Amino acid sequence: MTDKPVKSGQWSQPDIGYLTRMYGSVKLAEIARKIGRPLASVNKMVAKLFPESAEKSNSPWSAVDVARLKELYGSVGTVDQWARILKRPVSEIERKVKSFETEVKDRPWTRESLATVKKLYGSRTNVDLELILGMPEKQIEDKAQELCMAKDKKFSSSAISASAATRMPRWTAEDVETLKRMHGTASNSDIAQHLGRTTKSITSKANALGLYKTAEHLRQMGRDNVDWRYHRDKCEEEENDQSSDGNA
């Protein structure tokens, strides 16, 4: 199998369109491979399409901009990239994301939120989905079970590999506060994915801080895992039955 030929010269409109759509949510190296161009060429086009201007907007957030940020949040993109896309300072992007935490509450499912969870569930942690959808993790997980959704295998394996291959950064005060806030309600694996750390790192830091999950929380996690496995197996049985009926 030969490698995909590397393009040179003028960019085509389809290639520009693909870069514009994927920038901020897909790694640049992956974009370069997809369109068959050198990474240096992709970086050059990024600078042209998304210039890092000193004059950035501080205007009120539009519904379109908020929706765009939520779509990008939790992906492999960086805050710097999102700031370029939305033409806003990095600090404002971070403040806006922080404000999403105050909006999490039980709310009815709408056509838009259902479309969002179907699109993003496989490639986002539940903790990130809380902020994207403005709903508690349990409400999201209940809907995922109802719809027989699961995390993408590629997403799960890449998250684990990235955590294992990356040297753990020094804990910041903000990281510690996030750990304290999430420890009582989220699993260590979800916290690890949210902070970009290994589960072992989360467990070690929690122990050092004297954070322990209550017996009731551990029991609930066990019940949730049993319920999830049961529901997953039931969904698989239904899919197999439907497949058998279709082949009959």
C-alpha atoms as a PDB file:
ATOM      1  CA  MET A   1       0.000   0.000   0.000  1.00  0.00           C
ATOM      2  CA  THR A   2       1.542   3.307  -1.099  1.00  0.00           C
ATOM      3  CA  ASP A   3       1.321   6.561   0.823  1.00  0.00           C
ATOM      4  CA  LYS A   4      -1.112   9.196  -0.357  1.00  0.00           C
ATOM      5  CA  PRO A   5       0.625  11.600  -2.783  1.00  0.00           C
ATOM      6  CA  VAL A   6       1.573  14.930  -1.229  1.00  0.00           C
ATOM      7  CA  LYS A   7      -0.056  17.884  -2.964  1.00  0.00           C
ATOM      8  CA  SER A   8       1.743  21.122  -3.713  1.00  0.00           C
ATOM      9  CA  GLY A   9       0.860  24.436  -5.267  1.00  0.00           C
ATOM     10  CA  GLN A  10      -2.477  26.222  -5.116  1.00  0.00           C
ATOM     11  CA  TRP A  11      -5.088  25.019  -2.658  1.00  0.00           C
ATOM     12  CA  SER A  12      -8.414  23.729  -4.022  1.00  0.00           C
ATOM     13  CA  GLN A  13     -11.713  25.005  -2.611  1.00  0.00           C
ATOM     14  CA  PRO A  14     -12.622  21.538  -1.210  1.00  0.00           C
ATOM     15  CA  ASP A  15      -9.310  21.411   0.695  1.00  0.00           C
ATOM     16  CA  ILE A  16      -9.807  24.935   2.060  1.00  0.00           C
ATOM     17  CA  GLY A  17     -13.368  24.046   3.030  1.00  0.00           C
ATOM     18  CA  TYR A  18     -12.240  20.902   4.847  1.00  0.00           C
ATOM     19  CA  LEU A  19      -9.559  22.789   6.790  1.00  0.00           C
ATOM     20  CA  THR A  20     -12.048  25.522   7.712  1.00  0.00           C
ATOM     21  CA  ARG A  21     -14.555  22.974   9.038  1.00  0.00           C
ATOM     22  CA  MET A  22     -12.081  20.774  10.906  1.00  0.00           C
ATOM     23  CA  TYR A  23      -9.689  23.374  12.346  1.00  0.00           C
ATOM     24  CA  GLY A  24     -10.023  23.585  16.104  1.00  0.00           C
ATOM     25  CA  SER A  25     -11.524  20.118  16.539  1.00  0.00           C
ATOM     26  CA  VAL A  26      -9.110  17.845  14.641  1.00  0.00           C
ATOM     27  CA  LYS A  27      -5.324  17.675  14.934  1.00  0.00           C
ATOM     28  CA  LEU A  28      -3.507  19.566  12.197  1.00  0.00           C
ATOM     29  CA  ALA A  29      -1.376  16.518  11.392  1.00  0.00           C
ATOM     30  CA  GLU A  30      -4.540  14.515  10.778  1.00  0.00           C
ATOM     31  CA  ILE A  31      -5.955  17.256   8.555  1.00  0.00           C
ATOM     32  CA  ALA A  32      -2.679  17.311   6.594  1.00  0.00           C
ATOM     33  CA  ARG A  33      -2.856  13.543   6.042  1.00  0.00           C
ATOM     34  CA  LYS A  34      -6.506  13.719   5.035  1.00  0.00           C
ATOM     35  CA  ILE A  35      -6.025  16.326   2.323  1.00  0.00           C
ATOM     36  CA  GLY A  36      -2.562  15.087   1.342  1.00  0.00           C
ATOM     37  CA  ARG A  37      -0.558  18.239   2.051  1.00  0.00           C
ATOM     38  CA  PRO A  38       2.590  18.906   4.093  1.00  0.00           C
ATOM     39  CA  LEU A  39       1.958  20.076   7.648  1.00  0.00           C
ATOM     40  CA  ALA A  40       3.918  23.262   6.936  1.00  0.00           C
ATOM     41  CA  SER A  41       1.503  24.069   4.107  1.00  0.00           C
ATOM     42  CA  VAL A  42      -1.485  23.492   6.409  1.00  0.00           C
ATOM     43  CA  ASN A  43       0.002  25.769   9.082  1.00  0.00           C
ATOM     44  CA  LYS A  44       0.553  28.465   6.475  1.00  0.00           C
ATOM     45  CA  MET A  45      -3.059  28.268   5.323  1.00  0.00           C
ATOM     46  CA  VAL A  46      -4.281  28.348   8.935  1.00  0.00           C
ATOM     47  CA  ALA A  47      -2.412  31.619   9.434  1.00  0.00           C
ATOM     48  CA  LYS A  48      -4.136  32.993   6.356  1.00  0.00           C
ATOM     49  CA  LEU A  49      -7.660  31.790   7.222  1.00  0.00           C
ATOM     50  CA  PHE A  50      -7.474  32.414  10.957  1.00  0.00           C
ATOM     51  CA  PRO A  51      -5.009  35.278  11.504  1.00  0.00           C
ATOM     52  CA  GLU A  52      -3.917  35.994  15.054  1.00  0.00           C
ATOM     53  CA  SER A  53      -4.951  39.634  15.149  1.00  0.00           C
ATOM     54  CA  ALA A  54      -4.177  41.954  18.044  1.00  0.00           C
ATOM     55  CA  GLU A  55      -7.654  43.470  17.626  1.00  0.00           C
ATOM     56  CA  LYS A  56     -10.111  40.880  18.893  1.00  0.00           C
ATOM     57  CA  SER A  57     -13.812  41.221  19.522  1.00  0.00           C
ATOM     58  CA  ASN A  58     -15.173  41.947  22.981  1.00  0.00           C
ATOM     59  CA  SER A  59     -18.729  42.280  21.718  1.00  0.00           C
ATOM     60  CA  PRO A  60     -21.622  40.339  23.316  1.00  0.00           C
ATOM     61  CA  TRP A  61     -21.711  36.647  22.483  1.00  0.00           C
ATOM     62  CA  SER A  62     -24.176  35.684  19.776  1.00  0.00           C
ATOM     63  CA  ALA A  63     -26.116  32.422  19.900  1.00  0.00           C
ATOM     64  CA  VAL A  64     -24.127  31.276  16.864  1.00  0.00           C
ATOM     65  CA  ASP A  65     -20.771  31.904  18.579  1.00  0.00           C
ATOM     66  CA  VAL A  66     -21.884  30.130  21.764  1.00  0.00           C
ATOM     67  CA  ALA A  67     -23.066  27.123  19.744  1.00  0.00           C
ATOM     68  CA  ARG A  68     -19.749  27.063  17.857  1.00  0.00           C
ATOM     69  CA  LEU A  69     -17.703  27.148  21.068  1.00  0.00           C
ATOM     70  CA  LYS A  70     -19.761  24.318  22.577  1.00  0.00           C
ATOM     71  CA  GLU A  71     -19.236  22.256  19.441  1.00  0.00           C
ATOM     72  CA  LEU A  72     -15.475  22.770  19.705  1.00  0.00           C
ATOM     73  CA  TYR A  73     -15.253  22.279  23.480  1.00  0.00           C
ATOM     74  CA  GLY A  74     -13.874  18.924  24.581  1.00  0.00           C
ATOM     75  CA  SER A  75     -12.280  18.169  21.205  1.00  0.00           C
ATOM     76  CA  VAL A  76      -8.539  17.819  20.591  1.00  0.00           C
ATOM     77  CA  GLY A  77      -8.392  21.491  19.632  1.00  0.00           C
ATOM     78  CA  THR A  78      -6.783  24.124  21.852  1.00  0.00           C
ATOM     79  CA  VAL A  79      -8.141  27.277  23.443  1.00  0.00           C
ATOM     80  CA  ASP A  80      -5.741  29.283  21.269  1.00  0.00           C
ATOM     81  CA  GLN A  81      -7.291  27.752  18.148  1.00  0.00           C
ATOM     82  CA  TRP A  82     -10.829  28.442  19.357  1.00  0.00           C
ATOM     83  CA  ALA A  83      -9.849  32.035  20.068  1.00  0.00           C
ATOM     84  CA  ARG A  84      -8.638  32.401  16.482  1.00  0.00           C
ATOM     85  CA  ILE A  85     -11.823  30.885  15.081  1.00  0.00           C
ATOM     86  CA  LEU A  86     -14.101  33.099  17.175  1.00  0.00           C
ATOM     87  CA  LYS A  87     -11.807  36.137  16.921  1.00  0.00           C
ATOM     88  CA  ARG A  88     -11.787  36.684  20.685  1.00  0.00           C
ATOM     89  CA  PRO A  89      -9.090  36.827  23.378  1.00  0.00           C
ATOM     90  CA  VAL A  90      -8.140  33.513  24.982  1.00  0.00           C
ATOM     91  CA  SER A  91      -9.137  34.898  28.383  1.00  0.00           C
ATOM     92  CA  GLU A  92     -12.656  35.578  27.120  1.00  0.00           C
ATOM     93  CA  ILE A  93     -12.967  32.049  25.734  1.00  0.00           C
ATOM     94  CA  GLU A  94     -11.920  30.668  29.119  1.00  0.00           C
ATOM     95  CA  ARG A  95     -14.402  32.917  30.961  1.00  0.00           C
ATOM     96  CA  LYS A  96     -17.207  31.822  28.670  1.00  0.00           C
ATOM     97  CA  VAL A  97     -16.437  28.150  29.220  1.00  0.00           C
ATOM     98  CA  LYS A  98     -16.369  28.785  32.972  1.00  0.00           C
ATOM     99  CA  SER A  99     -19.819  30.355  32.751  1.00  0.00           C
ATOM    100  CA  PHE A 100     -21.194  27.134  31.254  1.00  0.00           C
ATOM    101  CA  GLU A 101     -20.707  25.483  34.667  1.00  0.00           C
ATOM    102  CA  THR A 102     -23.373  27.729  36.207  1.00  0.00           C
ATOM    103  CA  GLU A 103     -25.898  26.721  33.540  1.00  0.00           C
ATOM    104  CA  VAL A 104     -25.925  22.968  34.278  1.00  0.00           C
ATOM    105  CA  LYS A 105     -29.386  21.838  35.429  1.00  0.00           C
ATOM    106  CA  ASP A 106     -32.121  19.342  34.628  1.00  0.00           C
ATOM    107  CA  ARG A 107     -33.876  20.483  31.505  1.00  0.00           C
ATOM    108  CA  PRO A 108     -36.135  18.879  28.885  1.00  0.00           C
ATOM    109  CA  TRP A 109     -34.583  17.348  25.786  1.00  0.00           C
ATOM    110  CA  THR A 110     -35.128  19.313  22.601  1.00  0.00           C
ATOM    111  CA  ARG A 111     -34.569  18.424  18.969  1.00  0.00           C
ATOM    112  CA  GLU A 112     -31.352  20.476  19.044  1.00  0.00           C
ATOM    113  CA  SER A 113     -29.961  18.898  22.235  1.00  0.00           C
ATOM    114  CA  LEU A 114     -30.792  15.399  20.970  1.00  0.00           C
ATOM    115  CA  ALA A 115     -28.962  16.130  17.724  1.00  0.00           C
ATOM    116  CA  THR A 116     -25.970  17.431  19.712  1.00  0.00           C
ATOM    117  CA  VAL A 117     -25.713  14.427  22.035  1.00  0.00           C
ATOM    118  CA  LYS A 118     -26.012  12.030  19.089  1.00  0.00           C
ATOM    119  CA  LYS A 119     -23.247  13.897  17.272  1.00  0.00           C
ATOM    120  CA  LEU A 120     -20.824  14.399  20.166  1.00  0.00           C
ATOM    121  CA  TYR A 121     -21.442  11.613  22.690  1.00  0.00           C
ATOM    122  CA  GLY A 122     -18.942   9.241  21.119  1.00  0.00           C
ATOM    123  CA  SER A 123     -16.077  11.754  21.084  1.00  0.00           C
ATOM    124  CA  ARG A 124     -16.546  13.756  24.297  1.00  0.00           C
ATOM    125  CA  THR A 125     -16.303  12.885  27.984  1.00  0.00           C
ATOM    126  CA  ASN A 126     -19.505  13.065  29.992  1.00  0.00           C
ATOM    127  CA  VAL A 127     -17.981  15.872  32.030  1.00  0.00           C
ATOM    128  CA  ASP A 128     -17.480  17.927  28.866  1.00  0.00           C
ATOM    129  CA  LEU A 129     -20.980  17.070  27.662  1.00  0.00           C
ATOM    130  CA  GLU A 130     -22.372  18.519  30.901  1.00  0.00           C
ATOM    131  CA  LEU A 131     -21.090  21.946  29.891  1.00  0.00           C
ATOM    132  CA  ILE A 132     -21.946  21.535  26.215  1.00  0.00           C
ATOM    133  CA  LEU A 133     -25.550  20.514  26.864  1.00  0.00           C
ATOM    134  CA  GLY A 134     -26.058  22.307  30.185  1.00  0.00           C
ATOM    135  CA  MET A 135     -27.389  19.060  31.684  1.00  0.00           C
ATOM    136  CA  PRO A 136     -26.225  16.881  34.605  1.00  0.00           C
ATOM    137  CA  GLU A 137     -24.130  13.856  33.686  1.00  0.00           C
ATOM    138  CA  LYS A 138     -26.792  11.409  34.894  1.00  0.00           C
ATOM    139  CA  GLN A 139     -29.421  12.884  32.590  1.00  0.00           C
ATOM    140  CA  ILE A 140     -27.009  12.594  29.668  1.00  0.00           C
ATOM    141  CA  GLU A 141     -25.995   9.043  30.545  1.00  0.00           C
ATOM    142  CA  ASP A 142     -29.638   7.976  30.933  1.00  0.00           C
ATOM    143  CA  LYS A 143     -30.385   9.288  27.438  1.00  0.00           C
ATOM    144  CA  ALA A 144     -27.275   7.575  26.046  1.00  0.00           C
ATOM    145  CA  GLN A 145     -28.461   4.252  27.451  1.00  0.00           C
ATOM    146  CA  GLU A 146     -31.942   4.827  26.085  1.00  0.00           C
ATOM    147  CA  LEU A 147     -30.508   5.478  22.615  1.00  0.00           C
ATOM    148  CA  CYS A 148     -27.925   2.659  22.878  1.00  0.00           C
ATOM    149  CA  MET A 149     -25.036   5.079  22.383  1.00  0.00           C
ATOM    150  CA  ALA A 150     -21.438   4.353  23.395  1.00  0.00           C
ATOM    151  CA  LYS A 151     -18.074   6.099  23.296  1.00  0.00           C
ATOM    152  CA  ASP A 152     -16.140   5.635  20.066  1.00  0.00           C
ATOM    153  CA  LYS A 153     -13.418   3.019  20.456  1.00  0.00           C
ATOM    154  CA  LYS A 154     -10.954   5.317  18.696  1.00  0.00           C
ATOM    155  CA  PHE A 155     -11.796   8.131  21.125  1.00  0.00           C
ATOM    156  CA  SER A 156     -11.422   5.921  24.207  1.00  0.00           C
ATOM    157  CA  SER A 157      -8.123   4.393  23.098  1.00  0.00           C
ATOM    158  CA  SER A 158      -6.642   7.721  21.970  1.00  0.00           C
ATOM    159  CA  ALA A 159      -7.568   9.363  25.272  1.00  0.00           C
ATOM    160  CA  ILE A 160      -5.865   6.578  27.206  1.00  0.00           C
ATOM    161  CA  SER A 161      -2.809   6.573  24.932  1.00  0.00           C
ATOM    162  CA  ALA A 162      -2.456  10.349  25.133  1.00  0.00           C
ATOM    163  CA  SER A 163      -2.603  10.268  28.911  1.00  0.00           C
ATOM    164  CA  ALA A 164      -0.048   7.476  29.118  1.00  0.00           C
ATOM    165  CA  ALA A 165       2.366   9.035  26.626  1.00  0.00           C
ATOM    166  CA  THR A 166       2.272  12.562  28.012  1.00  0.00           C
ATOM    167  CA  ARG A 167       4.293  13.614  31.011  1.00  0.00           C
ATOM    168  CA  MET A 168       1.871  14.846  33.634  1.00  0.00           C
ATOM    169  CA  PRO A 169       2.022  18.632  34.020  1.00  0.00           C
ATOM    170  CA  ARG A 170       2.362  20.263  37.409  1.00  0.00           C
ATOM    171  CA  TRP A 171      -0.928  20.572  39.276  1.00  0.00           C
ATOM    172  CA  THR A 172      -2.292  24.124  39.170  1.00  0.00           C
ATOM    173  CA  ALA A 173      -4.599  25.665  41.758  1.00  0.00           C
ATOM    174  CA  GLU A 174      -7.402  25.548  39.183  1.00  0.00           C
ATOM    175  CA  ASP A 175      -6.780  21.828  38.542  1.00  0.00           C
ATOM    176  CA  VAL A 176      -6.956  21.119  42.260  1.00  0.00           C
ATOM    177  CA  GLU A 177     -10.229  23.031  42.605  1.00  0.00           C
ATOM    178  CA  THR A 178     -11.674  21.131  39.641  1.00  0.00           C
ATOM    179  CA  LEU A 179     -10.640  17.835  41.218  1.00  0.00           C
ATOM    180  CA  LYS A 180     -12.268  18.797  44.527  1.00  0.00           C
ATOM    181  CA  ARG A 181     -15.457  19.877  42.758  1.00  0.00           C
ATOM    182  CA  MET A 182     -15.790  16.783  40.595  1.00  0.00           C
ATOM    183  CA  HIS A 183     -14.460  14.092  42.922  1.00  0.00           C
ATOM    184  CA  GLY A 184     -17.712  13.485  44.760  1.00  0.00           C
ATOM    185  CA  THR A 185     -19.873  13.083  41.652  1.00  0.00           C
ATOM    186  CA  ALA A 186     -17.686  11.921  38.743  1.00  0.00           C
ATOM    187  CA  SER A 187     -15.598   8.815  38.163  1.00  0.00           C
ATOM    188  CA  ASN A 188     -11.810   9.126  38.292  1.00  0.00           C
ATOM    189  CA  SER A 189     -11.602   8.178  34.601  1.00  0.00           C
ATOM    190  CA  ASP A 190     -13.938  11.042  33.629  1.00  0.00           C
ATOM    191  CA  ILE A 191     -11.949  13.463  35.795  1.00  0.00           C
ATOM    192  CA  ALA A 192      -8.726  12.197  34.188  1.00  0.00           C
ATOM    193  CA  GLN A 193     -10.043  12.804  30.674  1.00  0.00           C
ATOM    194  CA  HIS A 194     -11.341  16.256  31.668  1.00  0.00           C
ATOM    195  CA  LEU A 195      -7.956  17.315  33.117  1.00  0.00           C
ATOM    196  CA  GLY A 196      -5.814  15.480  30.544  1.00  0.00           C
ATOM    197  CA  ARG A 197      -4.234  13.224  33.157  1.00  0.00           C
ATOM    198  CA  THR A 198      -4.024   9.531  33.933  1.00  0.00           C
ATOM    199  CA  THR A 199      -6.496   7.887  36.301  1.00  0.00           C
ATOM    200  CA  LYS A 200      -3.530   6.966  38.487  1.00  0.00           C
ATOM    201  CA  SER A 201      -2.579  10.648  38.739  1.00  0.00           C
ATOM    202  CA  ILE A 202      -6.128  11.580  39.786  1.00  0.00           C
ATOM    203  CA  THR A 203      -6.263   8.825  42.415  1.00  0.00           C
ATOM    204  CA  SER A 204      -2.857   9.760  43.808  1.00  0.00           C
ATOM    205  CA  LYS A 205      -3.683  13.475  44.069  1.00  0.00           C
ATOM    206  CA  ALA A 206      -7.095  12.776  45.609  1.00  0.00           C
ATOM    207  CA  ASN A 207      -5.487  10.597  48.265  1.00  0.00           C
ATOM    208  CA  ALA A 208      -2.889  13.296  48.970  1.00  0.00           C
ATOM    209  CA  LEU A 209      -5.700  15.827  49.453  1.00  0.00           C
ATOM    210  CA  GLY A 210      -7.672  13.465  51.678  1.00  0.00           C
ATOM    211  CA  LEU A 211     -10.501  13.147  49.137  1.00  0.00           C
ATOM    212  CA  TYR A 212     -12.357   9.872  49.332  1.00  0.00           C
ATOM    213  CA  LYS A 213     -15.544   8.768  47.650  1.00  0.00           C
ATOM    214  CA  THR A 214     -18.319   7.908  50.080  1.00  0.00           C
ATOM    215  CA  ALA A 215     -19.504   4.327  50.418  1.00  0.00           C
ATOM    216  CA  GLU A 216     -22.873   5.344  48.945  1.00  0.00           C
ATOM    217  CA  HIS A 217     -21.191   6.969  45.939  1.00  0.00           C
ATOM    218  CA  LEU A 218     -19.109   3.828  45.328  1.00  0.00           C
ATOM    219  CA  ARG A 219     -22.228   1.677  45.600  1.00  0.00           C
ATOM    220  CA  GLN A 220     -24.043   3.928  43.147  1.00  0.00           C
ATOM    221  CA  MET A 221     -21.120   3.733  40.709  1.00  0.00           C
ATOM    222  CA  GLY A 222     -21.308  -0.063  40.970  1.00  0.00           C
ATOM    223  CA  ARG A 223     -25.048  -0.035  40.322  1.00  0.00           C
ATOM    224  CA  ASP A 224     -24.607   2.302  37.366  1.00  0.00           C
ATOM    225  CA  ASN A 225     -21.946   0.018  35.877  1.00  0.00           C
ATOM    226  CA  VAL A 226     -24.178  -3.046  36.262  1.00  0.00           C
ATOM    227  CA  ASP A 227     -27.149  -1.204  34.760  1.00  0.00           C
ATOM    228  CA  TRP A 228     -25.009   0.026  31.868  1.00  0.00           C
ATOM    229  CA  ARG A 229     -23.652  -3.441  31.075  1.00  0.00           C
ATOM    230  CA  TYR A 230     -27.165  -4.917  31.247  1.00  0.00           C
ATOM    231  CA  HIS A 231     -28.567  -2.202  28.980  1.00  0.00           C
ATOM    232  CA  ARG A 232     -25.651  -2.523  26.544  1.00  0.00           C
ATOM    233  CA  ASP A 233     -26.138  -6.294  26.284  1.00  0.00           C
ATOM    234  CA  LYS A 234     -29.871  -5.798  25.788  1.00  0.00           C
ATOM    235  CA  CYS A 235     -29.230  -3.285  22.992  1.00  0.00           C
ATOM    236  CA  GLU A 236     -26.834  -5.691  21.312  1.00  0.00           C
ATOM    237  CA  GLU A 237     -29.416  -8.482  21.528  1.00  0.00           C
ATOM    238  CA  GLU A 238     -32.051  -6.228  19.945  1.00  0.00           C
ATOM    239  CA  GLU A 239     -29.647  -5.264  17.145  1.00  0.00           C
ATOM    240  CA  ASN A 240     -28.823  -8.939  16.518  1.00  0.00           C
ATOM    241  CA  ASP A 241     -32.537  -9.824  16.473  1.00  0.00           C
ATOM    242  CA  GLN A 242     -33.225  -7.038  13.986  1.00  0.00           C
ATOM    243  CA  SER A 243     -30.310  -8.189  11.836  1.00  0.00           C
ATOM    244  CA  SER A 244     -31.603 -11.773  11.900  1.00  0.00           C
ATOM    245  CA  ASP A 245     -35.109 -10.636  10.937  1.00  0.00           C
ATOM    246  CA  GLY A 246     -33.696  -8.613   8.074  1.00  0.00           C
ATOM    247  CA  ASN A 247     -31.734 -11.572   6.766  1.00  0.00           C
ATOM    248  CA  ALA A 248     -34.653 -13.975   7.073  1.00  0.00           C
END
